[in-house]
C-alpha cells in the first residue's frame, strides 16, 4: 500500500516546522506588550479552542475509549513538559530576538535524538549522528553573539 506524500510523516513534520517558525515570529510580536506567562496562557486557550473545533468538525469529539494508566501518565507528563517548554520559550522570546531564541530552542532536536537512544532504545546510524551533531553546531553558531 503506497502512501502519498501528504499522508507521510515527512510532510507533517515539514508543516510542523513551518508552523513552529510562524509561532516564533507571531509570538515575538505578540509578547511585546504583555507578560510572557499571560501570553502563554492566551496561546494555550487558543490551542484548546482550535483543537476542540477540529475534533468537532472531523467527528472525533467522542470518548477515546479505554486508556491505560500508563497512557494517562505519559500524556500528562507530555502535557506538563509542553507547558513548561512554552512558558520558557515565551519568556526567552520576551527577552531576546526570535532569530536567536528559535535556534537554541531547536537544540530539542539534539536532545530528542539523545533521549530516544538512551530512554527508548532507538538506534541512529553514523550518518544520522552526523546530522544530529551538525544541527547542534548550527544552533550554537546561530545563537552566538
N, C-alpha and C. Protein backbone atom coordinates (compact mmCIF):
# COMPACT_ATOMS: atom_id res chain seq x y z
N UNK A 1 0.85 -1.18 0.00
CA UNK A 1 0.00 0.00 0.00
C UNK A 1 0.89 1.24 0.00
N UNK A 2 0.75 2.04 -1.02
CA UNK A 2 1.58 3.22 -1.17
C UNK A 2 0.94 4.42 -0.47
N UNK A 3 1.77 5.18 0.24
CA UNK A 3 1.28 6.35 0.95
C UNK A 3 1.68 7.59 0.17
N UNK A 4 0.75 8.52 0.01
CA UNK A 4 1.07 9.77 -0.66
C UNK A 4 1.95 10.62 0.25
N UNK A 5 2.61 11.60 -0.35
CA UNK A 5 3.46 12.48 0.44
C UNK A 5 2.65 13.17 1.53
N UNK A 6 1.41 13.57 1.21
CA UNK A 6 0.56 14.25 2.20
C UNK A 6 0.23 13.33 3.37
N UNK A 7 0.22 12.03 3.14
CA UNK A 7 -0.07 11.08 4.20
C UNK A 7 1.17 10.56 4.90
N UNK A 8 2.31 11.19 4.63
CA UNK A 8 3.58 10.69 5.20
C UNK A 8 4.05 11.56 6.36
N UNK A 9 4.90 10.99 7.19
CA UNK A 9 5.43 11.75 8.32
C UNK A 9 6.31 12.92 7.87
N UNK A 10 7.11 12.81 6.78
CA UNK A 10 7.91 13.99 6.40
C UNK A 10 7.06 15.21 6.06
N UNK A 11 5.92 14.99 5.39
CA UNK A 11 5.03 16.10 5.06
C UNK A 11 4.58 16.81 6.33
N UNK A 12 4.09 16.04 7.30
CA UNK A 12 3.57 16.63 8.52
C UNK A 12 4.68 17.23 9.37
N UNK A 13 5.87 16.65 9.34
CA UNK A 13 7.00 17.22 10.08
C UNK A 13 7.43 18.56 9.47
N UNK A 14 7.44 18.64 8.14
CA UNK A 14 7.79 19.91 7.48
C UNK A 14 6.74 20.98 7.76
N UNK A 15 5.47 20.57 7.74
CA UNK A 15 4.40 21.51 8.07
C UNK A 15 4.53 21.98 9.52
N UNK A 16 4.87 21.07 10.41
CA UNK A 16 5.11 21.42 11.81
C UNK A 16 6.23 22.45 11.93
N UNK A 17 7.31 22.24 11.19
CA UNK A 17 8.44 23.17 11.22
C UNK A 17 8.02 24.56 10.72
N UNK A 18 7.21 24.58 9.66
CA UNK A 18 6.75 25.87 9.13
C UNK A 18 5.88 26.59 10.15
N UNK A 19 4.96 25.86 10.78
CA UNK A 19 4.10 26.48 11.79
C UNK A 19 4.91 26.90 13.02
N UNK A 20 5.93 26.11 13.38
CA UNK A 20 6.79 26.48 14.52
C UNK A 20 7.53 27.77 14.21
N UNK A 21 7.98 27.93 12.97
CA UNK A 21 8.66 29.17 12.58
C UNK A 21 7.70 30.35 12.69
N UNK A 22 6.48 30.18 12.21
CA UNK A 22 5.49 31.25 12.32
C UNK A 22 5.15 31.53 13.78
N UNK A 23 5.13 30.48 14.60
CA UNK A 23 4.88 30.65 16.03
C UNK A 23 5.88 31.61 16.63
N UNK A 24 7.15 31.42 16.30
CA UNK A 24 8.20 32.28 16.85
C UNK A 24 8.00 33.73 16.43
N UNK A 25 7.70 33.94 15.16
CA UNK A 25 7.53 35.30 14.65
C UNK A 25 6.29 35.96 15.26
N UNK A 26 5.17 35.26 15.22
CA UNK A 26 3.92 35.82 15.78
C UNK A 26 4.06 36.06 17.28
N UNK A 27 4.67 35.12 17.99
CA UNK A 27 4.81 35.25 19.44
C UNK A 27 5.73 36.41 19.80
N UNK A 28 6.79 36.59 19.05
CA UNK A 28 7.73 37.69 19.34
C UNK A 28 7.00 39.03 19.28
N UNK A 29 6.17 39.20 18.28
CA UNK A 29 5.39 40.44 18.15
C UNK A 29 4.32 40.50 19.24
N UNK A 30 3.64 39.37 19.47
CA UNK A 30 2.54 39.34 20.43
C UNK A 30 2.94 39.50 21.87
N UNK A 31 4.15 39.08 22.23
CA UNK A 31 4.59 39.10 23.63
C UNK A 31 5.18 40.47 24.01
N UNK A 32 5.32 41.34 23.03
CA UNK A 32 6.00 42.62 23.25
C UNK A 32 5.41 43.43 24.41
N UNK A 33 4.10 43.52 24.47
CA UNK A 33 3.46 44.40 25.45
C UNK A 33 2.67 43.66 26.52
N UNK A 34 3.01 42.38 26.76
CA UNK A 34 2.28 41.60 27.75
C UNK A 34 3.26 40.68 28.48
N UNK A 35 2.92 40.31 29.70
CA UNK A 35 3.72 39.36 30.45
C UNK A 35 3.80 38.05 29.66
N UNK A 36 4.97 37.44 29.62
CA UNK A 36 5.16 36.23 28.81
C UNK A 36 4.29 35.07 29.30
N UNK A 37 4.04 34.98 30.61
CA UNK A 37 3.19 33.90 31.12
C UNK A 37 1.73 34.11 30.71
N UNK A 38 1.28 35.35 30.70
CA UNK A 38 -0.07 35.66 30.24
C UNK A 38 -0.18 35.34 28.75
N UNK A 39 0.84 35.68 27.99
CA UNK A 39 0.86 35.37 26.56
C UNK A 39 0.78 33.86 26.34
N UNK A 40 1.50 33.09 27.15
CA UNK A 40 1.45 31.64 27.04
C UNK A 40 0.05 31.11 27.34
N UNK A 41 -0.60 31.69 28.35
CA UNK A 41 -1.97 31.29 28.69
C UNK A 41 -2.92 31.56 27.53
N UNK A 42 -2.82 32.76 26.94
CA UNK A 42 -3.69 33.11 25.81
C UNK A 42 -3.47 32.13 24.67
N UNK A 43 -2.21 31.84 24.37
CA UNK A 43 -1.88 30.88 23.32
C UNK A 43 -2.51 29.52 23.62
N UNK A 44 -2.44 29.09 24.87
CA UNK A 44 -2.97 27.79 25.26
C UNK A 44 -4.48 27.73 25.09
N UNK A 45 -5.17 28.79 25.48
CA UNK A 45 -6.63 28.84 25.31
C UNK A 45 -6.98 28.76 23.82
N UNK A 46 -6.26 29.49 23.00
CA UNK A 46 -6.50 29.44 21.55
C UNK A 46 -6.30 28.02 21.02
N UNK A 47 -5.25 27.36 21.47
CA UNK A 47 -4.98 25.99 21.03
C UNK A 47 -6.10 25.05 21.46
N UNK A 48 -6.56 25.16 22.70
CA UNK A 48 -7.63 24.29 23.19
C UNK A 48 -8.91 24.50 22.38
N UNK A 49 -9.28 25.75 22.14
CA UNK A 49 -10.49 26.03 21.35
C UNK A 49 -10.32 25.51 19.93
N UNK A 50 -9.16 25.74 19.33
CA UNK A 50 -8.91 25.30 17.96
C UNK A 50 -8.97 23.77 17.85
N UNK A 51 -8.32 23.07 18.78
CA UNK A 51 -8.35 21.61 18.75
C UNK A 51 -9.76 21.08 18.99
N UNK A 52 -10.50 21.71 19.89
CA UNK A 52 -11.89 21.32 20.11
C UNK A 52 -12.71 21.46 18.85
N UNK A 53 -12.52 22.56 18.14
CA UNK A 53 -13.24 22.80 16.88
C UNK A 53 -12.86 21.74 15.84
N UNK A 54 -11.58 21.45 15.72
CA UNK A 54 -11.11 20.44 14.75
C UNK A 54 -11.72 19.07 15.08
N UNK A 55 -11.72 18.71 16.36
CA UNK A 55 -12.32 17.42 16.75
C UNK A 55 -13.80 17.37 16.39
N UNK A 56 -14.52 18.46 16.63
CA UNK A 56 -15.95 18.50 16.30
C UNK A 56 -16.16 18.38 14.80
N UNK A 57 -15.45 19.16 14.02
CA UNK A 57 -15.61 19.16 12.56
C UNK A 57 -15.26 17.80 11.96
N UNK A 58 -14.25 17.15 12.49
CA UNK A 58 -13.81 15.87 11.95
C UNK A 58 -14.55 14.69 12.57
N UNK A 59 -15.51 14.96 13.43
CA UNK A 59 -16.30 13.89 14.04
C UNK A 59 -15.51 13.04 15.02
N UNK A 60 -14.49 13.63 15.64
CA UNK A 60 -13.65 12.89 16.58
C UNK A 60 -13.92 13.29 18.03
N UNK A 61 -14.94 14.09 18.27
CA UNK A 61 -15.23 14.56 19.62
C UNK A 61 -16.05 13.50 20.36
N UNK A 62 -15.39 12.42 20.67
CA UNK A 62 -16.03 11.33 21.40
C UNK A 62 -15.01 10.72 22.36
N UNK A 63 -15.48 9.81 23.14
CA UNK A 63 -14.59 9.15 24.10
C UNK A 63 -13.47 8.44 23.36
N UNK A 64 -12.24 8.56 23.85
CA UNK A 64 -11.13 7.89 23.17
C UNK A 64 -11.12 6.38 23.41
N UNK A 65 -12.05 5.92 24.24
CA UNK A 65 -12.05 4.50 24.59
C UNK A 65 -11.23 4.29 25.84
N UNK A 66 -11.04 3.05 26.22
CA UNK A 66 -10.29 2.78 27.45
C UNK A 66 -8.81 3.17 27.30
N UNK A 67 -8.33 3.91 28.26
CA UNK A 67 -6.92 4.31 28.27
C UNK A 67 -6.27 3.71 29.51
N UNK A 68 -5.09 3.18 29.33
CA UNK A 68 -4.38 2.58 30.46
C UNK A 68 -3.82 3.68 31.36
N UNK A 69 -3.49 3.30 32.56
CA UNK A 69 -2.86 4.24 33.50
C UNK A 69 -1.55 4.74 32.91
N UNK A 70 -0.79 3.85 32.29
CA UNK A 70 0.48 4.23 31.65
C UNK A 70 0.25 5.31 30.59
N UNK A 71 -0.78 5.12 29.76
CA UNK A 71 -1.09 6.12 28.73
C UNK A 71 -1.40 7.46 29.37
N UNK A 72 -2.25 7.46 30.40
CA UNK A 72 -2.60 8.71 31.10
C UNK A 72 -1.36 9.37 31.69
N UNK A 73 -0.51 8.59 32.36
CA UNK A 73 0.69 9.14 33.00
C UNK A 73 1.57 9.82 31.96
N UNK A 74 1.81 9.14 30.84
CA UNK A 74 2.72 9.72 29.86
C UNK A 74 2.10 10.87 29.08
N UNK A 75 0.80 10.85 28.85
CA UNK A 75 0.16 12.01 28.22
C UNK A 75 0.17 13.22 29.15
N UNK A 76 -0.06 12.99 30.45
CA UNK A 76 0.00 14.09 31.42
C UNK A 76 1.43 14.63 31.50
N UNK A 77 2.41 13.75 31.57
CA UNK A 77 3.82 14.20 31.60
C UNK A 77 4.17 14.98 30.34
N UNK A 78 3.69 14.52 29.20
CA UNK A 78 3.93 15.23 27.94
C UNK A 78 3.29 16.62 27.98
N UNK A 79 2.07 16.70 28.50
CA UNK A 79 1.40 18.00 28.63
C UNK A 79 2.14 18.94 29.56
N UNK A 80 2.62 18.41 30.68
CA UNK A 80 3.40 19.24 31.62
C UNK A 80 4.70 19.72 30.97
N UNK A 81 5.36 18.84 30.24
CA UNK A 81 6.60 19.23 29.55
C UNK A 81 6.32 20.28 28.48
N UNK A 82 5.21 20.11 27.76
CA UNK A 82 4.82 21.10 26.75
C UNK A 82 4.58 22.46 27.39
N UNK A 83 3.82 22.46 28.46
CA UNK A 83 3.55 23.73 29.16
C UNK A 83 4.83 24.39 29.64
N UNK A 84 5.71 23.61 30.24
CA UNK A 84 6.99 24.17 30.71
C UNK A 84 7.79 24.72 29.54
N UNK A 85 7.80 23.99 28.44
CA UNK A 85 8.53 24.44 27.25
C UNK A 85 7.97 25.76 26.73
N UNK A 86 6.65 25.85 26.65
CA UNK A 86 6.01 27.07 26.16
C UNK A 86 6.29 28.26 27.06
N UNK A 87 6.22 28.05 28.36
CA UNK A 87 6.50 29.14 29.31
C UNK A 87 7.93 29.63 29.12
N UNK A 88 8.86 28.70 29.04
CA UNK A 88 10.27 29.07 28.86
C UNK A 88 10.49 29.74 27.51
N UNK A 89 9.86 29.22 26.47
CA UNK A 89 10.01 29.76 25.12
C UNK A 89 9.50 31.20 25.03
N UNK A 90 8.32 31.45 25.58
CA UNK A 90 7.76 32.80 25.53
C UNK A 90 8.60 33.77 26.36
N UNK A 91 9.11 33.29 27.49
CA UNK A 91 9.96 34.15 28.30
C UNK A 91 11.24 34.49 27.53
N UNK A 92 11.83 33.50 26.87
CA UNK A 92 13.03 33.73 26.06
C UNK A 92 12.73 34.71 24.93
N UNK A 93 11.57 34.57 24.28
CA UNK A 93 11.20 35.50 23.20
C UNK A 93 11.00 36.91 23.73
N UNK A 94 10.48 37.02 24.93
CA UNK A 94 10.29 38.34 25.54
C UNK A 94 11.63 39.03 25.75
N UNK A 95 12.65 38.22 26.08
CA UNK A 95 13.97 38.77 26.45
C UNK A 95 14.95 38.86 25.28
N UNK A 96 14.75 38.06 24.26
CA UNK A 96 15.75 38.02 23.19
C UNK A 96 15.12 38.01 21.81
N UNK A 97 15.96 38.15 20.77
CA UNK A 97 15.45 38.16 19.40
C UNK A 97 15.02 36.77 18.95
N UNK A 98 13.92 36.72 18.21
CA UNK A 98 13.39 35.44 17.73
C UNK A 98 14.43 34.68 16.90
N UNK A 99 15.24 35.41 16.15
CA UNK A 99 16.24 34.78 15.28
C UNK A 99 17.34 34.07 16.07
N UNK A 100 17.48 34.38 17.35
CA UNK A 100 18.45 33.70 18.21
C UNK A 100 17.78 32.71 19.16
N UNK A 101 16.58 33.05 19.62
CA UNK A 101 15.86 32.16 20.54
C UNK A 101 15.47 30.86 19.84
N UNK A 102 14.92 30.95 18.64
CA UNK A 102 14.43 29.77 17.93
C UNK A 102 15.53 28.73 17.68
N UNK A 103 16.73 29.12 17.23
CA UNK A 103 17.76 28.09 17.04
C UNK A 103 18.15 27.37 18.34
N UNK A 104 18.22 28.10 19.43
CA UNK A 104 18.55 27.44 20.71
C UNK A 104 17.42 26.48 21.08
N UNK A 105 16.18 26.90 20.87
CA UNK A 105 15.04 26.03 21.13
C UNK A 105 15.13 24.76 20.29
N UNK A 106 15.67 24.86 19.11
CA UNK A 106 15.78 23.70 18.22
C UNK A 106 16.88 22.75 18.65
N UNK A 107 17.61 23.07 19.69
CA UNK A 107 18.50 22.07 20.28
C UNK A 107 17.69 20.90 20.81
N UNK A 108 16.37 21.09 20.88
CA UNK A 108 15.49 19.98 21.26
C UNK A 108 15.67 18.82 20.28
N UNK A 109 16.01 19.11 19.03
CA UNK A 109 16.26 18.05 18.04
C UNK A 109 17.39 17.15 18.52
N UNK A 110 18.46 17.77 19.00
CA UNK A 110 19.61 17.03 19.52
C UNK A 110 19.21 16.24 20.76
N UNK A 111 18.48 16.89 21.65
CA UNK A 111 18.07 16.23 22.89
C UNK A 111 17.11 15.06 22.63
N UNK A 112 16.20 15.22 21.66
CA UNK A 112 15.29 14.11 21.32
C UNK A 112 16.08 12.92 20.81
N UNK A 113 17.09 13.18 19.98
CA UNK A 113 17.91 12.07 19.47
C UNK A 113 18.60 11.35 20.63
N UNK A 114 19.18 12.12 21.53
CA UNK A 114 19.89 11.51 22.68
C UNK A 114 18.91 10.78 23.58
N UNK A 115 17.79 11.43 23.93
CA UNK A 115 16.80 10.79 24.79
C UNK A 115 16.20 9.55 24.12
N UNK A 116 15.98 9.63 22.81
CA UNK A 116 15.44 8.48 22.08
C UNK A 116 16.35 7.27 22.17
N UNK A 117 17.65 7.52 22.06
CA UNK A 117 18.62 6.43 22.17
C UNK A 117 18.70 5.91 23.60
N UNK A 118 18.84 6.83 24.56
CA UNK A 118 19.06 6.43 25.95
C UNK A 118 17.79 5.87 26.59
N UNK A 119 16.66 6.52 26.37
CA UNK A 119 15.43 6.14 27.08
C UNK A 119 14.53 5.18 26.30
N UNK A 120 14.57 5.26 24.97
CA UNK A 120 13.66 4.43 24.17
C UNK A 120 14.37 3.30 23.43
N UNK A 121 15.68 3.28 23.50
CA UNK A 121 16.42 2.21 22.83
C UNK A 121 16.49 2.37 21.32
N UNK A 122 16.22 3.56 20.82
CA UNK A 122 16.30 3.78 19.38
C UNK A 122 17.76 3.76 18.95
N UNK A 123 17.97 3.52 17.67
CA UNK A 123 19.34 3.46 17.15
C UNK A 123 19.48 4.45 16.00
N UNK A 124 20.60 5.14 16.00
CA UNK A 124 20.92 6.05 14.91
C UNK A 124 22.21 5.56 14.27
N UNK A 125 22.27 5.62 12.95
CA UNK A 125 23.49 5.21 12.27
C UNK A 125 24.46 6.41 12.23
N UNK A 126 25.71 6.19 11.79
CA UNK A 126 26.69 7.28 11.79
C UNK A 126 26.25 8.51 11.00
N UNK A 127 25.56 8.31 9.88
CA UNK A 127 25.08 9.44 9.10
C UNK A 127 24.08 10.26 9.91
N UNK A 128 23.18 9.58 10.61
CA UNK A 128 22.17 10.27 11.42
C UNK A 128 22.82 11.00 12.59
N UNK A 129 23.80 10.37 13.25
CA UNK A 129 24.52 11.04 14.33
C UNK A 129 25.24 12.29 13.81
N UNK A 130 25.77 12.19 12.58
CA UNK A 130 26.42 13.37 11.98
C UNK A 130 25.42 14.50 11.83
N UNK A 131 24.21 14.16 11.39
CA UNK A 131 23.16 15.17 11.27
C UNK A 131 22.81 15.79 12.61
N UNK A 132 22.72 14.96 13.65
CA UNK A 132 22.41 15.47 14.99
C UNK A 132 23.50 16.44 15.45
N UNK A 133 24.74 16.06 15.25
CA UNK A 133 25.87 16.92 15.64
C UNK A 133 25.84 18.22 14.85
N UNK A 134 25.56 18.14 13.55
CA UNK A 134 25.52 19.35 12.73
C UNK A 134 24.37 20.28 13.15
N UNK A 135 23.22 19.70 13.50
CA UNK A 135 22.11 20.52 14.00
C UNK A 135 22.55 21.24 15.27
N UNK A 136 23.20 20.52 16.17
CA UNK A 136 23.69 21.12 17.41
C UNK A 136 24.68 22.24 17.15
N UNK A 137 25.64 21.97 16.28
CA UNK A 137 26.64 23.01 15.95
C UNK A 137 25.96 24.20 15.29
N UNK A 138 25.03 23.94 14.38
CA UNK A 138 24.33 25.03 13.71
C UNK A 138 23.55 25.89 14.68
N UNK A 139 22.85 25.26 15.60
CA UNK A 139 22.07 26.01 16.59
C UNK A 139 22.98 26.89 17.44
N UNK A 140 24.09 26.33 17.84
CA UNK A 140 25.04 27.08 18.68
C UNK A 140 25.63 28.25 17.87
N UNK A 141 26.03 27.99 16.63
CA UNK A 141 26.59 29.07 15.80
C UNK A 141 25.58 30.19 15.56
N UNK A 142 24.33 29.83 15.34
CA UNK A 142 23.29 30.84 15.13
C UNK A 142 23.05 31.69 16.38
N UNK A 143 23.22 31.08 17.54
CA UNK A 143 22.90 31.78 18.79
C UNK A 143 24.05 32.58 19.35
N UNK A 144 25.26 32.33 18.85
CA UNK A 144 26.41 33.08 19.38
C UNK A 144 26.32 34.54 19.02
N UNK A 145 26.68 35.42 19.95
CA UNK A 145 26.63 36.86 19.66
C UNK A 145 27.71 37.26 18.67
